[in-house]
């Protein structure tokens, strides 16, 4: 790895908010648990939150789902919407306005509160495309119908093993976001989840999802890791309603509850350590982290307690302007290998 490859700047520079992680003690008490018991401990922490009114969601979206230019971050389309001015109302076609999408459809829980206004599964999306999604399960539908080239998603018959009904498939860039949203819903509403109704659901409090759906959500979670958008949104929702999505703060929790580590007790550094291979180079100085991998990669910056402080993607190499001093753990993942390294900034 040459110095030249390490001097390329990432297209997207990371900026970390002052409150970039859960407050001290927020997740106290979850170490040593696994599987359903670990989920229940998280339920005790996140289930109690401030309930917004349905109308207040319009204002909250300005804080939780704004792009850097101030426009709406719509996970269902590339249309440009402005907060307030382009708020639905009526629509006749795609691009007309944005509305309040229950990514976990409200009919599944009979429009009951507090699920009805929980920001962790509500997103501003194109009204027309949202209507096409309806209350169909998330899924994969190779060959499904996409409204146009600005739509981020398609509708069609499921091609994922174990289910053949109609599904809505979001674009790959957001599959992990929605998977972690669904793991949140199964946790925050553990006491109600068995009464929810959909083909995705197992009608119980654990594992909560039908086998095919759980397998798919686990794949999405690993395929599309936590990124800075999710970290920023997690912090913004916390300011709005006073709780957090633990699967954004600690993505490794998913495997200790539903995945291949569910028979192992969780600790805050669980899942960070990994094998080191020579093809990835990591160095740090003066608040800047240099990463060279020679191929596309995802990086995570962890505090020593395992909290994800920042995340992003690089193409071959990049320099991350992290801008905070201290000791951190850097994890870099490519399609061939994973490297973890402690750095002092």
C-alpha atoms as a PDB file:
ATOM      1  CA  UNK A   1       0.000   0.000   0.000  1.00  0.00           C
ATOM      2  CA  UNK A   2       1.592   3.288  -1.060  1.00  0.00           C
ATOM      3  CA  UNK A   3       1.258   6.658   0.610  1.00  0.00           C
ATOM      4  CA  UNK A   4      -0.323   7.978  -2.575  1.00  0.00           C
ATOM      5  CA  UNK A   5      -3.366   5.711  -2.225  1.00  0.00           C
ATOM      6  CA  UNK A   6      -3.874   6.855   1.352  1.00  0.00           C
ATOM      7  CA  UNK A   7      -4.135  10.533   0.513  1.00  0.00           C
ATOM      8  CA  UNK A   8      -7.399  10.342  -1.443  1.00  0.00           C
ATOM      9  CA  UNK A   9     -10.192  12.104   0.463  1.00  0.00           C
ATOM     10  CA  UNK A  10     -13.540  10.354   0.903  1.00  0.00           C
ATOM     11  CA  UNK A  11     -16.312  11.890  -1.170  1.00  0.00           C
ATOM     12  CA  UNK A  12     -18.385  12.124   2.019  1.00  0.00           C
ATOM     13  CA  UNK A  13     -16.529  13.571   5.016  1.00  0.00           C
ATOM     14  CA  UNK A  14     -17.672  12.423   8.432  1.00  0.00           C
ATOM     15  CA  UNK A  15     -18.865  14.998  10.920  1.00  0.00           C
ATOM     16  CA  UNK A  16     -19.709  13.839  14.416  1.00  0.00           C
ATOM     17  CA  UNK A  17     -22.317  15.644  16.489  1.00  0.00           C
ATOM     18  CA  UNK A  18     -21.600  16.629  20.077  1.00  0.00           C
ATOM     19  CA  UNK A  19     -23.961  13.911  21.282  1.00  0.00           C
ATOM     20  CA  UNK A  20     -22.852  11.181  18.893  1.00  0.00           C
ATOM     21  CA  UNK A  21     -23.630   8.218  21.092  1.00  0.00           C
ATOM     22  CA  UNK A  22     -25.910   7.034  23.864  1.00  0.00           C
ATOM     23  CA  UNK A  23     -25.425   8.889  27.167  1.00  0.00           C
ATOM     24  CA  UNK A  24     -23.329   7.186  29.814  1.00  0.00           C
ATOM     25  CA  UNK A  25     -25.249   4.398  31.517  1.00  0.00           C
ATOM     26  CA  UNK A  26     -28.070   4.267  28.958  1.00  0.00           C
ATOM     27  CA  UNK A  27     -27.485   0.575  28.241  1.00  0.00           C
ATOM     28  CA  UNK A  28     -26.379  -0.447  31.722  1.00  0.00           C
ATOM     29  CA  UNK A  29     -27.461  -3.956  32.644  1.00  0.00           C
ATOM     30  CA  UNK A  30     -27.479  -5.682  29.248  1.00  0.00           C
ATOM     31  CA  UNK A  31     -24.099  -7.409  29.499  1.00  0.00           C
ATOM     32  CA  UNK A  32     -24.174 -11.137  30.169  1.00  0.00           C
ATOM     33  CA  UNK A  33     -27.531 -11.723  28.451  1.00  0.00           C
ATOM     34  CA  UNK A  34     -28.256 -13.343  25.096  1.00  0.00           C
ATOM     35  CA  UNK A  35     -31.150 -14.305  22.825  1.00  0.00           C
ATOM     36  CA  UNK A  36     -34.651 -13.409  24.081  1.00  0.00           C
ATOM     37  CA  UNK A  37     -33.397 -12.331  27.528  1.00  0.00           C
ATOM     38  CA  UNK A  38     -31.088  -9.767  25.942  1.00  0.00           C
ATOM     39  CA  UNK A  39     -33.971  -8.413  23.849  1.00  0.00           C
ATOM     40  CA  UNK A  40     -36.124  -8.139  26.967  1.00  0.00           C
ATOM     41  CA  UNK A  41     -33.421  -6.165  28.800  1.00  0.00           C
ATOM     42  CA  UNK A  42     -33.332  -3.767  25.847  1.00  0.00           C
ATOM     43  CA  UNK A  43     -37.136  -3.558  25.900  1.00  0.00           C
ATOM     44  CA  UNK A  44     -36.985  -2.285  29.499  1.00  0.00           C
ATOM     45  CA  UNK A  45     -34.631   0.491  28.336  1.00  0.00           C
ATOM     46  CA  UNK A  46     -36.212   1.715  25.086  1.00  0.00           C
ATOM     47  CA  UNK A  47     -39.938   1.011  25.401  1.00  0.00           C
ATOM     48  CA  UNK A  48     -40.715   4.091  27.496  1.00  0.00           C
ATOM     49  CA  UNK A  49     -40.475   7.168  25.266  1.00  0.00           C
ATOM     50  CA  UNK A  50     -42.209  10.478  24.637  1.00  0.00           C
ATOM     51  CA  UNK A  51     -45.167  10.089  22.303  1.00  0.00           C
ATOM     52  CA  UNK A  52     -45.524  12.670  19.551  1.00  0.00           C
ATOM     53  CA  UNK A  53     -48.819  13.606  17.969  1.00  0.00           C
ATOM     54  CA  UNK A  54     -49.345  12.653  14.336  1.00  0.00           C
ATOM     55  CA  UNK A  55     -49.199  16.310  13.333  1.00  0.00           C
ATOM     56  CA  UNK A  56     -45.932  16.859  15.213  1.00  0.00           C
ATOM     57  CA  UNK A  57     -44.230  14.361  12.892  1.00  0.00           C
ATOM     58  CA  UNK A  58     -44.105  16.993  10.133  1.00  0.00           C
ATOM     59  CA  UNK A  59     -41.911  19.210  12.318  1.00  0.00           C
ATOM     60  CA  UNK A  60     -39.868  16.327  13.694  1.00  0.00           C
ATOM     61  CA  UNK A  61     -38.930  15.221  10.161  1.00  0.00           C
ATOM     62  CA  UNK A  62     -37.111  18.534   9.690  1.00  0.00           C
ATOM     63  CA  UNK A  63     -34.697  17.405  12.404  1.00  0.00           C
ATOM     64  CA  UNK A  64     -34.531  13.676  11.675  1.00  0.00           C
ATOM     65  CA  UNK A  65     -34.637  13.412   7.865  1.00  0.00           C
ATOM     66  CA  UNK A  66     -33.016  16.464   6.311  1.00  0.00           C
ATOM     67  CA  UNK A  67     -30.216  16.217   3.783  1.00  0.00           C
ATOM     68  CA  UNK A  68     -27.211  18.533   4.040  1.00  0.00           C
ATOM     69  CA  UNK A  69     -28.910  20.977   1.638  1.00  0.00           C
ATOM     70  CA  UNK A  70     -32.026  21.096   3.840  1.00  0.00           C
ATOM     71  CA  UNK A  71     -34.285  19.064   1.541  1.00  0.00           C
ATOM     72  CA  UNK A  72     -36.195  15.939   2.546  1.00  0.00           C
ATOM     73  CA  UNK A  73     -34.208  12.695   2.703  1.00  0.00           C
ATOM     74  CA  UNK A  74     -36.664  10.380   0.946  1.00  0.00           C
ATOM     75  CA  UNK A  75     -35.667   6.699   1.121  1.00  0.00           C
ATOM     76  CA  UNK A  76     -38.279   5.776  -1.509  1.00  0.00           C
ATOM     77  CA  UNK A  77     -37.273   8.171  -4.300  1.00  0.00           C
ATOM     78  CA  UNK A  78     -34.820  10.688  -5.772  1.00  0.00           C
ATOM     79  CA  UNK A  79     -37.424  13.446  -5.966  1.00  0.00           C
ATOM     80  CA  UNK A  80     -36.475  16.722  -4.279  1.00  0.00           C
ATOM     81  CA  UNK A  81     -38.982  17.849  -1.663  1.00  0.00           C
ATOM     82  CA  UNK A  82     -38.871  20.913   0.567  1.00  0.00           C
ATOM     83  CA  UNK A  83     -40.159  20.692   4.110  1.00  0.00           C
ATOM     84  CA  UNK A  84     -43.570  22.290   4.506  1.00  0.00           C
ATOM     85  CA  UNK A  85     -44.022  23.475   0.918  1.00  0.00           C
ATOM     86  CA  UNK A  86     -44.167  19.961  -0.570  1.00  0.00           C
ATOM     87  CA  UNK A  87     -46.060  18.310   2.246  1.00  0.00           C
ATOM     88  CA  UNK A  88     -49.012  16.080   1.209  1.00  0.00           C
ATOM     89  CA  UNK A  89     -52.118  16.725   0.689  1.00  0.00           C
ATOM     90  CA  UNK A  90     -53.317  15.237  -2.445  1.00  0.00           C
ATOM     91  CA  UNK A  91     -51.130  13.742  -5.128  1.00  0.00           C
ATOM     92  CA  UNK A  92     -51.688  12.534  -8.676  1.00  0.00           C
ATOM     93  CA  UNK A  93     -48.326  10.977  -9.422  1.00  0.00           C
ATOM     94  CA  UNK A  94     -44.764  10.489  -8.222  1.00  0.00           C
ATOM     95  CA  UNK A  95     -42.898  13.650  -7.276  1.00  0.00           C
ATOM     96  CA  UNK A  96     -45.994  15.586  -6.196  1.00  0.00           C
ATOM     97  CA  UNK A  97     -45.423  15.626  -2.416  1.00  0.00           C
ATOM     98  CA  UNK A  98     -44.043  13.732   0.587  1.00  0.00           C
ATOM     99  CA  UNK A  99     -46.029  12.121   3.379  1.00  0.00           C
ATOM    100  CA  UNK A 100     -45.568  10.093   6.573  1.00  0.00           C
ATOM    101  CA  UNK A 101     -44.637   6.504   5.740  1.00  0.00           C
ATOM    102  CA  UNK A 102     -45.125   3.811   8.358  1.00  0.00           C
ATOM    103  CA  UNK A 103     -42.325   1.527   7.158  1.00  0.00           C
ATOM    104  CA  UNK A 104     -43.803  -1.010   9.595  1.00  0.00           C
ATOM    105  CA  UNK A 105     -47.366  -0.604   8.254  1.00  0.00           C
ATOM    106  CA  UNK A 106     -49.924   0.823  10.660  1.00  0.00           C
ATOM    107  CA  UNK A 107     -52.539  -1.764   9.676  1.00  0.00           C
ATOM    108  CA  UNK A 108     -50.301  -4.460  11.193  1.00  0.00           C
ATOM    109  CA  UNK A 109     -50.861  -2.966  14.661  1.00  0.00           C
ATOM    110  CA  UNK A 110     -54.361  -1.624  13.996  1.00  0.00           C
ATOM    111  CA  UNK A 111     -53.188   2.029  14.095  1.00  0.00           C
ATOM    112  CA  UNK A 112     -52.662   1.833  17.843  1.00  0.00           C
ATOM    113  CA  UNK A 113     -50.489   4.142  19.920  1.00  0.00           C
ATOM    114  CA  UNK A 114     -47.656   4.656  20.633  1.00  0.00           C
ATOM    115  CA  UNK A 115     -46.557   2.691  17.550  1.00  0.00           C
ATOM    116  CA  UNK A 116     -48.586   5.000  15.312  1.00  0.00           C
ATOM    117  CA  UNK A 117     -46.215   7.967  15.790  1.00  0.00           C
ATOM    118  CA  UNK A 118     -42.930   6.274  16.713  1.00  0.00           C
ATOM    119  CA  UNK A 119     -40.310   8.094  14.630  1.00  0.00           C
ATOM    120  CA  UNK A 120     -38.049   5.086  14.475  1.00  0.00           C
ATOM    121  CA  UNK A 121     -40.252   3.490  11.831  1.00  0.00           C
ATOM    122  CA  UNK A 122     -41.808   6.620  10.316  1.00  0.00           C
ATOM    123  CA  UNK A 123     -40.032   8.260   7.389  1.00  0.00           C
ATOM    124  CA  UNK A 124     -40.924  11.069   4.968  1.00  0.00           C
ATOM    125  CA  UNK A 125     -41.428   9.519   1.528  1.00  0.00           C
ATOM    126  CA  UNK A 126     -42.982  10.289  -1.827  1.00  0.00           C
ATOM    127  CA  UNK A 127     -46.740  10.055  -1.316  1.00  0.00           C
ATOM    128  CA  UNK A 128     -47.519   8.252  -4.568  1.00  0.00           C
ATOM    129  CA  UNK A 129     -44.754   5.675  -4.139  1.00  0.00           C
ATOM    130  CA  UNK A 130     -45.706   5.212  -0.491  1.00  0.00           C
ATOM    131  CA  UNK A 131     -49.242   4.425  -1.647  1.00  0.00           C
ATOM    132  CA  UNK A 132     -47.911   1.819  -4.088  1.00  0.00           C
ATOM    133  CA  UNK A 133     -46.016   0.121  -1.257  1.00  0.00           C
ATOM    134  CA  UNK A 134     -49.235   0.030   0.780  1.00  0.00           C
ATOM    135  CA  UNK A 135     -49.045  -2.481   3.621  1.00  0.00           C
ATOM    136  CA  UNK A 136     -47.196  -5.177   1.683  1.00  0.00           C
ATOM    137  CA  UNK A 137     -44.342  -6.875   3.540  1.00  0.00           C
ATOM    138  CA  UNK A 138     -40.782  -5.943   2.794  1.00  0.00           C
ATOM    139  CA  UNK A 139     -39.144  -8.595   0.662  1.00  0.00           C
ATOM    140  CA  UNK A 140     -37.167  -9.337  -2.473  1.00  0.00           C
ATOM    141  CA  UNK A 141     -38.852  -9.527  -5.875  1.00  0.00           C
ATOM    142  CA  UNK A 142     -36.472  -9.978  -8.756  1.00  0.00           C
ATOM    143  CA  UNK A 143     -38.241  -8.582 -11.814  1.00  0.00           C
ATOM    144  CA  UNK A 144     -40.714  -6.551  -9.754  1.00  0.00           C
ATOM    145  CA  UNK A 145     -42.265  -3.313 -11.008  1.00  0.00           C
ATOM    146  CA  UNK A 146     -40.500   0.013 -10.436  1.00  0.00           C
ATOM    147  CA  UNK A 147     -42.609   3.132 -11.116  1.00  0.00           C
ATOM    148  CA  UNK A 148     -39.765   5.010 -12.819  1.00  0.00           C
ATOM    149  CA  UNK A 149     -36.033   5.569 -12.624  1.00  0.00           C
ATOM    150  CA  UNK A 150     -36.416   7.934  -9.655  1.00  0.00           C
ATOM    151  CA  UNK A 151     -38.171   5.373  -7.469  1.00  0.00           C
ATOM    152  CA  UNK A 152     -36.148   3.622  -4.756  1.00  0.00           C
ATOM    153  CA  UNK A 153     -38.074   0.364  -4.581  1.00  0.00           C
ATOM    154  CA  UNK A 154     -40.170  -2.069  -6.558  1.00  0.00           C
ATOM    155  CA  UNK A 155     -43.313  -4.140  -6.109  1.00  0.00           C
ATOM    156  CA  UNK A 156     -43.754  -7.744  -7.159  1.00  0.00           C
ATOM    157  CA  UNK A 157     -44.055 -11.394  -6.268  1.00  0.00           C
ATOM    158  CA  UNK A 158     -41.542 -12.522  -3.649  1.00  0.00           C
ATOM    159  CA  UNK A 159     -38.544 -14.429  -4.962  1.00  0.00           C
ATOM    160  CA  UNK A 160     -37.030 -14.862  -1.505  1.00  0.00           C
ATOM    161  CA  UNK A 161     -37.096 -18.520  -0.338  1.00  0.00           C
ATOM    162  CA  UNK A 162     -40.006 -19.316   1.971  1.00  0.00           C
ATOM    163  CA  UNK A 163     -42.541 -16.732   0.777  1.00  0.00           C
ATOM    164  CA  UNK A 164     -44.385 -16.237  -2.510  1.00  0.00           C
ATOM    165  CA  UNK A 165     -46.739 -13.326  -1.782  1.00  0.00           C
ATOM    166  CA  UNK A 166     -46.516  -9.734  -3.042  1.00  0.00           C
ATOM    167  CA  UNK A 167     -43.728  -7.710  -1.451  1.00  0.00           C
ATOM    168  CA  UNK A 168     -42.105  -4.296  -1.589  1.00  0.00           C
ATOM    169  CA  UNK A 169     -38.336  -4.384  -2.093  1.00  0.00           C
ATOM    170  CA  UNK A 170     -36.479  -1.223  -1.039  1.00  0.00           C
ATOM    171  CA  UNK A 171     -33.228  -0.307  -2.742  1.00  0.00           C
ATOM    172  CA  UNK A 172     -30.100  -2.006  -1.433  1.00  0.00           C
ATOM    173  CA  UNK A 173     -28.722   1.237   0.010  1.00  0.00           C
ATOM    174  CA  UNK A 174     -31.512   1.243   2.623  1.00  0.00           C
ATOM    175  CA  UNK A 175     -32.148  -2.442   3.300  1.00  0.00           C
ATOM    176  CA  UNK A 176     -30.023  -2.400   6.439  1.00  0.00           C
ATOM    177  CA  UNK A 177     -31.793   0.730   7.683  1.00  0.00           C
ATOM    178  CA  UNK A 178     -35.165  -0.979   7.393  1.00  0.00           C
ATOM    179  CA  UNK A 179     -33.887  -4.240   8.912  1.00  0.00           C
ATOM    180  CA  UNK A 180     -32.676  -2.375  12.009  1.00  0.00           C
ATOM    181  CA  UNK A 181     -36.002  -0.523  12.087  1.00  0.00           C
ATOM    182  CA  UNK A 182     -37.805  -3.870  12.219  1.00  0.00           C
ATOM    183  CA  UNK A 183     -35.500  -5.224  14.943  1.00  0.00           C
ATOM    184  CA  UNK A 184     -36.267  -2.055  16.904  1.00  0.00           C
ATOM    185  CA  UNK A 185     -40.012  -2.592  16.553  1.00  0.00           C
ATOM    186  CA  UNK A 186     -39.714  -6.186  17.774  1.00  0.00           C
ATOM    187  CA  UNK A 187     -37.851  -4.909  20.836  1.00  0.00           C
ATOM    188  CA  UNK A 188     -39.606  -1.663  21.756  1.00  0.00           C
ATOM    189  CA  UNK A 189     -43.027  -3.375  21.510  1.00  0.00           C
ATOM    190  CA  UNK A 190     -42.120  -6.793  22.856  1.00  0.00           C
ATOM    191  CA  UNK A 191     -45.202  -6.795  25.093  1.00  0.00           C
ATOM    192  CA  UNK A 192     -47.558  -6.208  22.117  1.00  0.00           C
ATOM    193  CA  UNK A 193     -45.777  -7.846  19.215  1.00  0.00           C
ATOM    194  CA  UNK A 194     -47.609 -11.171  19.357  1.00  0.00           C
ATOM    195  CA  UNK A 195     -50.869  -9.345  18.524  1.00  0.00           C
ATOM    196  CA  UNK A 196     -49.504  -7.681  15.378  1.00  0.00           C
ATOM    197  CA  UNK A 197     -50.584  -9.260  12.094  1.00  0.00           C
ATOM    198  CA  UNK A 198     -48.619  -9.685   8.848  1.00  0.00           C
ATOM    199  CA  UNK A 199     -47.136 -12.490   6.784  1.00  0.00           C
ATOM    200  CA  UNK A 200     -43.722 -11.284   7.976  1.00  0.00           C
ATOM    201  CA  UNK A 201     -44.578 -11.917  11.617  1.00  0.00           C
ATOM    202  CA  UNK A 202     -44.468 -15.071  13.764  1.00  0.00           C
ATOM    203  CA  UNK A 203     -47.202 -13.816  16.159  1.00  0.00           C
ATOM    204  CA  UNK A 204     -45.010 -14.210  19.234  1.00  0.00           C
ATOM    205  CA  UNK A 205     -42.617 -12.106  21.326  1.00  0.00           C
ATOM    206  CA  UNK A 206     -39.578 -14.053  20.141  1.00  0.00           C
ATOM    207  CA  UNK A 207     -38.227 -14.487  17.541  1.00  0.00           C
ATOM    208  CA  UNK A 208     -41.035 -12.178  16.335  1.00  0.00           C
ATOM    209  CA  UNK A 209     -40.538 -12.728  12.597  1.00  0.00           C
ATOM    210  CA  UNK A 210     -41.414 -15.658  10.347  1.00  0.00           C
ATOM    211  CA  UNK A 211     -38.380 -17.745   9.408  1.00  0.00           C
ATOM    212  CA  UNK A 212     -38.137 -16.381   5.872  1.00  0.00           C
ATOM    213  CA  UNK A 213     -38.466 -12.775   7.056  1.00  0.00           C
ATOM    214  CA  UNK A 214     -35.946 -13.162   9.872  1.00  0.00           C
ATOM    215  CA  UNK A 215     -33.392 -14.738   7.542  1.00  0.00           C
ATOM    216  CA  UNK A 216     -33.873 -11.904   5.073  1.00  0.00           C
ATOM    217  CA  UNK A 217     -33.643  -9.154   7.696  1.00  0.00           C
ATOM    218  CA  UNK A 218     -30.420 -10.664   9.049  1.00  0.00           C
ATOM    219  CA  UNK A 219     -28.984 -10.701   5.518  1.00  0.00           C
ATOM    220  CA  UNK A 220     -30.003  -7.066   4.983  1.00  0.00           C
ATOM    221  CA  UNK A 221     -28.491  -6.043   8.321  1.00  0.00           C
ATOM    222  CA  UNK A 222     -25.124  -7.537   7.384  1.00  0.00           C
ATOM    223  CA  UNK A 223     -25.195  -6.516   3.723  1.00  0.00           C
ATOM    224  CA  UNK A 224     -25.944  -2.837   4.407  1.00  0.00           C
ATOM    225  CA  UNK A 225     -24.119  -1.848   7.630  1.00  0.00           C
ATOM    226  CA  UNK A 226     -24.856   1.167   9.815  1.00  0.00           C
ATOM    227  CA  UNK A 227     -23.762   4.420   8.180  1.00  0.00           C
ATOM    228  CA  UNK A 228     -23.528   8.045   9.266  1.00  0.00           C
ATOM    229  CA  UNK A 229     -27.084   8.787   8.124  1.00  0.00           C
ATOM    230  CA  UNK A 230     -28.432   6.250  10.615  1.00  0.00           C
ATOM    231  CA  UNK A 231     -26.169   7.458  13.412  1.00  0.00           C
ATOM    232  CA  UNK A 232     -27.287  11.046  12.904  1.00  0.00           C
ATOM    233  CA  UNK A 233     -30.950  10.041  12.683  1.00  0.00           C
ATOM    234  CA  UNK A 234     -30.682   7.910  15.829  1.00  0.00           C
ATOM    235  CA  UNK A 235     -29.361  10.937  17.723  1.00  0.00           C
ATOM    236  CA  UNK A 236     -32.069  13.190  16.275  1.00  0.00           C
ATOM    237  CA  UNK A 237     -34.903  10.807  17.169  1.00  0.00           C
ATOM    238  CA  UNK A 238     -33.454  10.504  20.680  1.00  0.00           C
ATOM    239  CA  UNK A 239     -33.762  14.272  21.038  1.00  0.00           C
ATOM    240  CA  UNK A 240     -37.359  14.153  19.769  1.00  0.00           C
ATOM    241  CA  UNK A 241     -38.791  11.229  21.738  1.00  0.00           C
ATOM    242  CA  UNK A 242     -36.173  10.253  24.332  1.00  0.00           C
ATOM    243  CA  UNK A 243     -35.215   6.699  23.295  1.00  0.00           C
ATOM    244  CA  UNK A 244     -32.741   5.090  20.925  1.00  0.00           C
ATOM    245  CA  UNK A 245     -32.413   2.241  18.445  1.00  0.00           C
ATOM    246  CA  UNK A 246     -29.873  -0.083  20.093  1.00  0.00           C
ATOM    247  CA  UNK A 247     -29.156  -1.865  16.801  1.00  0.00           C
ATOM    248  CA  UNK A 248     -27.663   1.352  15.453  1.00  0.00           C
ATOM    249  CA  UNK A 249     -25.632   2.042  18.602  1.00  0.00           C
ATOM    250  CA  UNK A 250     -24.465  -1.588  18.841  1.00  0.00           C
ATOM    251  CA  UNK A 251     -25.060  -3.383  15.522  1.00  0.00           C
ATOM    252  CA  UNK A 252     -23.528  -6.580  16.931  1.00  0.00           C
ATOM    253  CA  UNK A 253     -26.570  -6.948  19.229  1.00  0.00           C
ATOM    254  CA  UNK A 254     -28.540  -8.372  16.308  1.00  0.00           C
ATOM    255  CA  UNK A 255     -26.364 -11.478  16.149  1.00  0.00           C
ATOM    256  CA  UNK A 256     -26.536 -11.981  19.931  1.00  0.00           C
ATOM    257  CA  UNK A 257     -30.345 -11.937  19.821  1.00  0.00           C
ATOM    258  CA  UNK A 258     -31.265 -13.496  16.469  1.00  0.00           C
ATOM    259  CA  UNK A 259     -28.054 -14.486  14.723  1.00  0.00           C
ATOM    260  CA  UNK A 260     -25.176 -16.929  14.997  1.00  0.00           C
ATOM    261  CA  UNK A 261     -24.096 -15.696  18.449  1.00  0.00           C
ATOM    262  CA  UNK A 262     -27.448 -15.982  20.194  1.00  0.00           C
ATOM    263  CA  UNK A 263     -26.096 -18.654  22.558  1.00  0.00           C
ATOM    264  CA  UNK A 264     -23.257 -16.362  23.729  1.00  0.00           C
ATOM    265  CA  UNK A 265     -23.485 -13.663  26.429  1.00  0.00           C
ATOM    266  CA  UNK A 266     -23.189 -10.127  25.132  1.00  0.00           C
ATOM    267  CA  UNK A 267     -20.550  -7.627  26.224  1.00  0.00           C
ATOM    268  CA  UNK A 268     -19.998  -4.073  25.014  1.00  0.00           C
ATOM    269  CA  UNK A 269     -16.936  -5.030  22.991  1.00  0.00           C
ATOM    270  CA  UNK A 270     -18.612  -8.130  21.549  1.00  0.00           C
ATOM    271  CA  UNK A 271     -18.248  -8.452  17.820  1.00  0.00           C
ATOM    272  CA  UNK A 272     -15.615  -5.754  17.364  1.00  0.00           C
ATOM    273  CA  UNK A 273     -12.479  -7.905  17.462  1.00  0.00           C
ATOM    274  CA  UNK A 274     -11.665  -9.694  14.230  1.00  0.00           C
ATOM    275  CA  UNK A 275      -8.792 -11.170  12.294  1.00  0.00           C
ATOM    276  CA  UNK A 276      -6.203  -8.863  10.763  1.00  0.00           C
ATOM    277  CA  UNK A 277      -4.839  -9.292   7.241  1.00  0.00           C
ATOM    278  CA  UNK A 278      -2.118  -7.294   5.530  1.00  0.00           C
ATOM    279  CA  UNK A 279      -4.164  -5.939   2.623  1.00  0.00           C
ATOM    280  CA  UNK A 280      -5.822  -3.203   4.728  1.00  0.00           C
ATOM    281  CA  UNK A 281      -3.822  -0.311   6.192  1.00  0.00           C
ATOM    282  CA  UNK A 282      -5.080   2.020   8.945  1.00  0.00           C
ATOM    283  CA  UNK A 283      -3.253   4.989  10.448  1.00  0.00           C
ATOM    284  CA  UNK A 284      -4.315   8.060  12.412  1.00  0.00           C
ATOM    285  CA  UNK A 285      -2.961  11.461  13.429  1.00  0.00           C
ATOM    286  CA  UNK A 286      -4.370  14.849  14.434  1.00  0.00           C
ATOM    287  CA  UNK A 287      -7.976  13.702  14.323  1.00  0.00           C
ATOM    288  CA  UNK A 288      -7.676  12.243  10.813  1.00  0.00           C
ATOM    289  CA  UNK A 289      -7.897   8.531  10.058  1.00  0.00           C
ATOM    290  CA  UNK A 290      -6.295   7.193   6.867  1.00  0.00           C
ATOM    291  CA  UNK A 291      -7.675   3.947   5.449  1.00  0.00           C
ATOM    292  CA  UNK A 292      -6.352   2.071   2.442  1.00  0.00           C
ATOM    293  CA  UNK A 293      -7.896  -1.189   1.281  1.00  0.00           C
ATOM    294  CA  UNK A 294      -7.387  -1.316  -2.472  1.00  0.00           C
ATOM    295  CA  UNK A 295     -11.095  -2.049  -2.953  1.00  0.00           C
ATOM    296  CA  UNK A 296     -14.509  -0.844  -1.741  1.00  0.00           C
ATOM    297  CA  UNK A 297     -14.888  -0.982   2.023  1.00  0.00           C
ATOM    298  CA  UNK A 298     -17.071  -0.015   4.965  1.00  0.00           C
ATOM    299  CA  UNK A 299     -15.478   1.486   8.070  1.00  0.00           C
ATOM    300  CA  UNK A 300     -16.676   1.882  11.645  1.00  0.00           C
ATOM    301  CA  UNK A 301     -15.211   4.042  14.392  1.00  0.00           C
ATOM    302  CA  UNK A 302     -15.976   2.624  17.851  1.00  0.00           C
ATOM    303  CA  UNK A 303     -15.534   4.065  21.306  1.00  0.00           C
ATOM    304  CA  UNK A 304     -13.812   1.633  23.666  1.00  0.00           C
ATOM    305  CA  UNK A 305     -17.180   0.576  25.088  1.00  0.00           C
ATOM    306  CA  UNK A 306     -18.266  -0.615  21.643  1.00  0.00           C
ATOM    307  CA  UNK A 307     -20.572   2.271  20.670  1.00  0.00           C
ATOM    308  CA  UNK A 308     -20.441   3.171  16.966  1.00  0.00           C
ATOM    309  CA  UNK A 309     -19.255   6.796  16.843  1.00  0.00           C
ATOM    310  CA  UNK A 310     -19.131   7.094  13.051  1.00  0.00           C
ATOM    311  CA  UNK A 311     -19.392   4.956   9.947  1.00  0.00           C
ATOM    312  CA  UNK A 312     -19.051   5.318   6.214  1.00  0.00           C
ATOM    313  CA  UNK A 313     -17.846   3.834   2.956  1.00  0.00           C
ATOM    314  CA  UNK A 314     -14.702   4.266   0.897  1.00  0.00           C
ATOM    315  CA  UNK A 315     -13.538   3.424  -2.597  1.00  0.00           C
ATOM    316  CA  UNK A 316     -10.030   1.990  -2.330  1.00  0.00           C
ATOM    317  CA  UNK A 317      -8.833   4.537   0.214  1.00  0.00           C
ATOM    318  CA  UNK A 318      -9.893   7.646   2.065  1.00  0.00           C
ATOM    319  CA  UNK A 319      -9.058  10.055   4.861  1.00  0.00           C
ATOM    320  CA  UNK A 320     -11.751  10.513   7.495  1.00  0.00           C
ATOM    321  CA  UNK A 321     -11.770  13.896   9.240  1.00  0.00           C
ATOM    322  CA  UNK A 322     -13.038  12.608  12.573  1.00  0.00           C
ATOM    323  CA  UNK A 323     -11.891  15.605  14.585  1.00  0.00           C
ATOM    324  CA  UNK A 324     -12.039  14.131  18.103  1.00  0.00           C
ATOM    325  CA  UNK A 325      -9.183  13.160  20.376  1.00  0.00           C
ATOM    326  CA  UNK A 326      -8.946   9.940  22.353  1.00  0.00           C
ATOM    327  CA  UNK A 327      -8.492   6.211  21.911  1.00  0.00           C
ATOM    328  CA  UNK A 328     -10.795   4.540  19.379  1.00  0.00           C
ATOM    329  CA  UNK A 329     -11.249   1.210  17.609  1.00  0.00           C
ATOM    330  CA  UNK A 330     -11.308   1.285  13.804  1.00  0.00           C
ATOM    331  CA  UNK A 331     -12.940  -1.609  11.954  1.00  0.00           C
ATOM    332  CA  UNK A 332     -12.610  -1.885   8.171  1.00  0.00           C
ATOM    333  CA  UNK A 333     -14.618  -4.464   6.219  1.00  0.00           C
ATOM    334  CA  UNK A 334     -14.203  -5.464   2.563  1.00  0.00           C
ATOM    335  CA  UNK A 335     -15.764  -8.327   0.655  1.00  0.00           C
ATOM    336  CA  UNK A 336     -12.695 -10.432   1.432  1.00  0.00           C
ATOM    337  CA  UNK A 337     -11.463  -9.502   4.892  1.00  0.00           C
ATOM    338  CA  UNK A 338     -11.909  -7.519   8.086  1.00  0.00           C
ATOM    339  CA  UNK A 339      -9.313  -5.577  10.058  1.00  0.00           C
ATOM    340  CA  UNK A 340      -9.681  -4.068  13.528  1.00  0.00           C
ATOM    341  CA  UNK A 341      -7.131  -1.681  14.989  1.00  0.00           C
ATOM    342  CA  UNK A 342      -6.942   0.635  17.999  1.00  0.00           C
ATOM    343  CA  UNK A 343      -5.778   4.172  17.225  1.00  0.00           C
ATOM    344  CA  UNK A 344      -5.081   7.252  19.334  1.00  0.00           C
ATOM    345  CA  UNK A 345      -6.206  10.567  17.878  1.00  0.00           C
END
